[in-house]
N, C-alpha and C. Protein backbone atom coordinates (compact mmCIF):
# COMPACT_ATOMS: atom_id res chain seq x y z
N MET A 1 0.85 -1.17 0.00
CA MET A 1 0.00 0.00 0.00
C MET A 1 0.89 1.23 0.00
N GLY A 2 0.68 2.08 -0.97
CA GLY A 2 1.51 3.25 -1.12
C GLY A 2 0.86 4.49 -0.51
N ASP A 3 1.61 5.54 -0.47
CA ASP A 3 1.08 6.80 0.02
C ASP A 3 0.10 7.38 -0.99
N SER A 4 -0.72 8.33 -0.52
CA SER A 4 -1.72 8.92 -1.41
C SER A 4 -1.07 9.74 -2.52
N TRP A 5 0.11 10.21 -2.31
CA TRP A 5 0.75 11.00 -3.35
C TRP A 5 1.28 10.13 -4.46
N GLU A 6 1.40 8.83 -4.16
CA GLU A 6 1.84 7.89 -5.19
C GLU A 6 0.67 7.34 -5.99
N ASP A 7 -0.54 7.53 -5.47
CA ASP A 7 -1.73 7.02 -6.11
C ASP A 7 -2.05 7.85 -7.35
N GLU A 8 -2.25 7.22 -8.47
CA GLU A 8 -2.53 7.93 -9.71
C GLU A 8 -3.93 8.52 -9.72
N GLU A 9 -4.84 7.97 -8.94
CA GLU A 9 -6.21 8.43 -8.93
C GLU A 9 -6.47 9.48 -7.84
N TYR A 10 -5.46 9.89 -7.16
CA TYR A 10 -5.62 10.88 -6.08
C TYR A 10 -6.02 12.23 -6.64
N GLU A 11 -7.06 12.85 -6.06
CA GLU A 11 -7.51 14.17 -6.48
C GLU A 11 -7.10 15.20 -5.43
N VAL A 12 -6.62 16.31 -5.91
CA VAL A 12 -6.23 17.39 -5.02
C VAL A 12 -7.50 18.05 -4.48
N PRO A 13 -7.63 18.16 -3.16
CA PRO A 13 -8.84 18.79 -2.61
C PRO A 13 -8.88 20.26 -3.00
N SER A 14 -10.08 20.72 -3.33
CA SER A 14 -10.23 22.13 -3.73
C SER A 14 -10.38 22.99 -2.48
N ILE A 15 -9.94 24.20 -2.60
CA ILE A 15 -10.02 25.16 -1.49
C ILE A 15 -11.03 26.22 -1.90
N ALA A 16 -12.04 26.41 -1.05
CA ALA A 16 -13.05 27.42 -1.33
C ALA A 16 -12.51 28.79 -0.93
N VAL A 17 -12.60 29.73 -1.84
CA VAL A 17 -12.11 31.09 -1.58
C VAL A 17 -13.29 32.05 -1.68
N ASN A 18 -13.45 32.84 -0.66
CA ASN A 18 -14.50 33.85 -0.66
C ASN A 18 -13.93 35.10 -1.33
N ILE A 19 -14.38 35.40 -2.52
CA ILE A 19 -13.83 36.50 -3.30
C ILE A 19 -14.19 37.85 -2.68
N SER A 20 -15.35 37.95 -2.06
CA SER A 20 -15.77 39.24 -1.50
C SER A 20 -14.88 39.67 -0.33
N SER A 21 -14.27 38.70 0.36
CA SER A 21 -13.40 39.06 1.48
C SER A 21 -11.95 39.22 1.07
N ALA A 22 -11.65 38.92 -0.19
CA ALA A 22 -10.28 39.05 -0.67
C ALA A 22 -9.90 40.52 -0.73
N PRO A 23 -8.68 40.86 -0.36
CA PRO A 23 -8.27 42.27 -0.40
C PRO A 23 -8.18 42.77 -1.83
N LYS A 24 -8.54 44.02 -2.01
CA LYS A 24 -8.46 44.62 -3.33
C LYS A 24 -7.02 45.02 -3.60
N SER A 25 -6.58 44.73 -4.81
CA SER A 25 -5.22 45.07 -5.15
C SER A 25 -5.13 46.45 -5.82
N PHE A 26 -6.27 47.07 -6.08
CA PHE A 26 -6.28 48.39 -6.68
C PHE A 26 -7.46 49.17 -6.14
N VAL A 27 -7.41 50.47 -6.28
CA VAL A 27 -8.48 51.34 -5.81
C VAL A 27 -9.31 51.76 -7.02
N ASP A 28 -10.58 51.46 -6.96
CA ASP A 28 -11.48 51.82 -8.04
C ASP A 28 -11.91 53.28 -7.83
N GLU A 29 -11.87 54.08 -8.88
CA GLU A 29 -12.21 55.49 -8.76
C GLU A 29 -13.65 55.70 -8.32
N GLU A 30 -14.56 54.87 -8.81
CA GLU A 30 -15.96 55.00 -8.41
C GLU A 30 -16.14 54.72 -6.92
N ASP A 31 -15.47 53.67 -6.44
CA ASP A 31 -15.55 53.36 -5.01
C ASP A 31 -14.98 54.50 -4.18
N LEU A 32 -13.91 55.08 -4.63
CA LEU A 32 -13.29 56.18 -3.90
C LEU A 32 -14.22 57.39 -3.86
N GLN A 33 -14.89 57.69 -4.96
CA GLN A 33 -15.82 58.81 -5.00
C GLN A 33 -17.02 58.55 -4.09
N GLN A 34 -17.52 57.34 -4.06
CA GLN A 34 -18.64 57.00 -3.20
C GLN A 34 -18.26 57.12 -1.74
N GLU A 35 -17.07 56.67 -1.39
CA GLU A 35 -16.61 56.75 0.00
C GLU A 35 -16.45 58.21 0.43
N THR A 36 -15.89 59.04 -0.42
CA THR A 36 -15.68 60.44 -0.04
C THR A 36 -17.00 61.19 0.02
N SER A 37 -17.93 60.90 -0.89
CA SER A 37 -19.22 61.58 -0.85
C SER A 37 -20.02 61.13 0.37
N ALA A 38 -19.89 59.88 0.75
CA ALA A 38 -20.58 59.38 1.94
C ALA A 38 -19.99 60.03 3.19
N ALA A 39 -18.68 60.23 3.21
CA ALA A 39 -18.04 60.84 4.37
C ALA A 39 -18.45 62.31 4.49
N VAL A 40 -18.57 62.99 3.38
CA VAL A 40 -18.95 64.40 3.39
C VAL A 40 -20.41 64.55 3.79
N SER A 41 -21.28 63.74 3.26
CA SER A 41 -22.70 63.87 3.53
C SER A 41 -23.08 63.39 4.92
N SER A 42 -22.25 62.59 5.56
CA SER A 42 -22.60 62.06 6.87
C SER A 42 -22.31 63.07 7.99
N GLY A 43 -21.59 64.14 7.74
CA GLY A 43 -21.27 65.13 8.76
C GLY A 43 -22.44 66.05 9.03
N PRO A 44 -22.43 66.71 10.18
CA PRO A 44 -23.52 67.63 10.50
C PRO A 44 -23.50 68.87 9.60
N SER A 45 -24.67 69.40 9.35
CA SER A 45 -24.77 70.58 8.49
C SER A 45 -24.37 71.83 9.29
N PRO A 46 -24.10 72.94 8.62
CA PRO A 46 -23.75 74.17 9.34
C PRO A 46 -24.84 74.62 10.30
N ALA A 47 -26.10 74.43 9.93
CA ALA A 47 -27.21 74.80 10.81
C ALA A 47 -27.19 73.95 12.08
N GLN A 48 -26.88 72.66 11.92
CA GLN A 48 -26.81 71.78 13.09
C GLN A 48 -25.64 72.17 13.99
N LEU A 49 -24.52 72.53 13.39
CA LEU A 49 -23.37 72.95 14.17
C LEU A 49 -23.68 74.22 14.96
N GLU A 50 -24.37 75.16 14.33
CA GLU A 50 -24.74 76.41 15.00
C GLU A 50 -25.70 76.13 16.15
N ALA A 51 -26.65 75.22 15.94
CA ALA A 51 -27.61 74.87 16.99
C ALA A 51 -26.89 74.21 18.17
N LEU A 52 -25.93 73.34 17.87
CA LEU A 52 -25.16 72.70 18.94
C LEU A 52 -24.35 73.72 19.72
N LYS A 53 -23.78 74.69 19.01
CA LYS A 53 -22.99 75.73 19.66
C LYS A 53 -23.85 76.55 20.60
N LYS A 54 -25.05 76.94 20.13
CA LYS A 54 -25.95 77.73 20.97
C LYS A 54 -26.41 76.93 22.18
N LYS A 55 -26.67 75.65 21.97
CA LYS A 55 -27.11 74.79 23.06
C LYS A 55 -26.02 74.67 24.13
N LYS A 56 -24.78 74.49 23.71
CA LYS A 56 -23.67 74.40 24.66
C LYS A 56 -23.48 75.71 25.43
N GLU A 57 -23.59 76.83 24.72
CA GLU A 57 -23.46 78.13 25.38
C GLU A 57 -24.55 78.31 26.44
N LEU A 58 -25.76 77.93 26.11
CA LEU A 58 -26.88 78.05 27.05
C LEU A 58 -26.67 77.14 28.26
N GLU A 59 -26.18 75.93 28.03
CA GLU A 59 -25.92 75.01 29.14
C GLU A 59 -24.83 75.56 30.05
N GLU A 60 -23.77 76.12 29.47
CA GLU A 60 -22.69 76.70 30.26
C GLU A 60 -23.20 77.89 31.08
N LYS A 61 -24.04 78.72 30.47
CA LYS A 61 -24.60 79.87 31.16
C LYS A 61 -25.47 79.42 32.33
N ASN A 62 -26.30 78.40 32.11
CA ASN A 62 -27.16 77.88 33.18
C ASN A 62 -26.34 77.26 34.30
N LEU A 63 -25.27 76.57 33.96
CA LEU A 63 -24.41 75.97 34.96
C LEU A 63 -23.72 77.03 35.80
N ALA A 64 -23.22 78.07 35.15
CA ALA A 64 -22.56 79.16 35.88
C ALA A 64 -23.55 79.87 36.79
N GLN A 65 -24.76 80.06 36.31
CA GLN A 65 -25.78 80.74 37.11
C GLN A 65 -26.17 79.89 38.32
N SER A 66 -26.31 78.59 38.15
CA SER A 66 -26.66 77.72 39.27
C SER A 66 -25.52 77.66 40.29
N LEU A 67 -24.29 77.76 39.81
CA LEU A 67 -23.15 77.79 40.72
C LEU A 67 -23.16 79.06 41.57
N VAL A 68 -23.46 80.19 40.94
CA VAL A 68 -23.53 81.46 41.66
C VAL A 68 -24.63 81.40 42.72
N PHE A 69 -25.79 80.86 42.36
CA PHE A 69 -26.90 80.75 43.31
C PHE A 69 -26.53 79.84 44.47
N ALA A 70 -25.84 78.75 44.20
CA ALA A 70 -25.43 77.83 45.26
C ALA A 70 -24.47 78.52 46.22
N LEU A 71 -23.56 79.32 45.68
CA LEU A 71 -22.61 80.04 46.54
C LEU A 71 -23.33 81.11 47.36
N GLN A 72 -24.32 81.76 46.76
CA GLN A 72 -25.05 82.80 47.48
C GLN A 72 -25.90 82.22 48.60
N GLU A 73 -26.38 81.02 48.46
CA GLU A 73 -27.16 80.39 49.52
C GLU A 73 -26.33 80.15 50.77
N LYS A 74 -25.05 79.91 50.60
CA LYS A 74 -24.18 79.57 51.72
C LYS A 74 -23.47 80.78 52.33
N GLU A 75 -23.64 81.96 51.77
CA GLU A 75 -22.91 83.11 52.28
C GLU A 75 -23.56 83.68 53.54
N THR A 76 -22.73 84.28 54.33
CA THR A 76 -23.19 84.90 55.58
C THR A 76 -23.73 86.29 55.25
N PRO A 77 -24.47 86.91 56.19
CA PRO A 77 -24.96 88.28 55.94
C PRO A 77 -23.83 89.27 55.67
N GLU A 78 -22.71 89.07 56.33
CA GLU A 78 -21.56 89.95 56.12
C GLU A 78 -21.01 89.79 54.71
N GLU A 79 -20.89 88.57 54.24
CA GLU A 79 -20.41 88.31 52.87
C GLU A 79 -21.40 88.86 51.85
N LYS A 80 -22.68 88.82 52.17
CA LYS A 80 -23.70 89.35 51.28
C LYS A 80 -23.54 90.86 51.11
N LYS A 81 -23.27 91.56 52.20
CA LYS A 81 -23.07 93.01 52.14
C LYS A 81 -21.86 93.35 51.27
N ILE A 82 -20.79 92.60 51.46
CA ILE A 82 -19.56 92.84 50.69
C ILE A 82 -19.82 92.61 49.19
N ARG A 83 -20.53 91.54 48.86
CA ARG A 83 -20.83 91.23 47.47
C ARG A 83 -21.70 92.32 46.84
N GLU A 84 -22.69 92.78 47.57
CA GLU A 84 -23.58 93.82 47.04
C GLU A 84 -22.85 95.13 46.84
N ARG A 85 -21.90 95.44 47.71
CA ARG A 85 -21.11 96.68 47.55
C ARG A 85 -20.24 96.62 46.30
N LYS A 86 -19.70 95.43 46.01
CA LYS A 86 -18.86 95.27 44.82
C LYS A 86 -19.67 95.43 43.54
N LEU A 87 -20.95 95.02 43.58
CA LEU A 87 -21.79 95.13 42.39
C LEU A 87 -22.14 96.58 42.07
N LEU A 88 -22.21 97.44 43.11
CA LEU A 88 -22.57 98.84 42.90
C LEU A 88 -21.38 99.62 42.55
């Protein structure tokens, strides 16, 4: 009994290759244009950016105001007089 490589009727097993997962060896111009247009269109619009900016500014203003109120709640009457004099 010989080895399988000595057998004349031996068939080489086939290997299944998934072509879709194979790496591309070149860049297709159409694919490149689609990728860049998708990247550009997926970003926020200028109106959305402006709305986000205004929202952040309003949140910061509200946070600063709540911090001031919290500090004023804890101040003594003497500290209150000093603060009011500085405002005038």
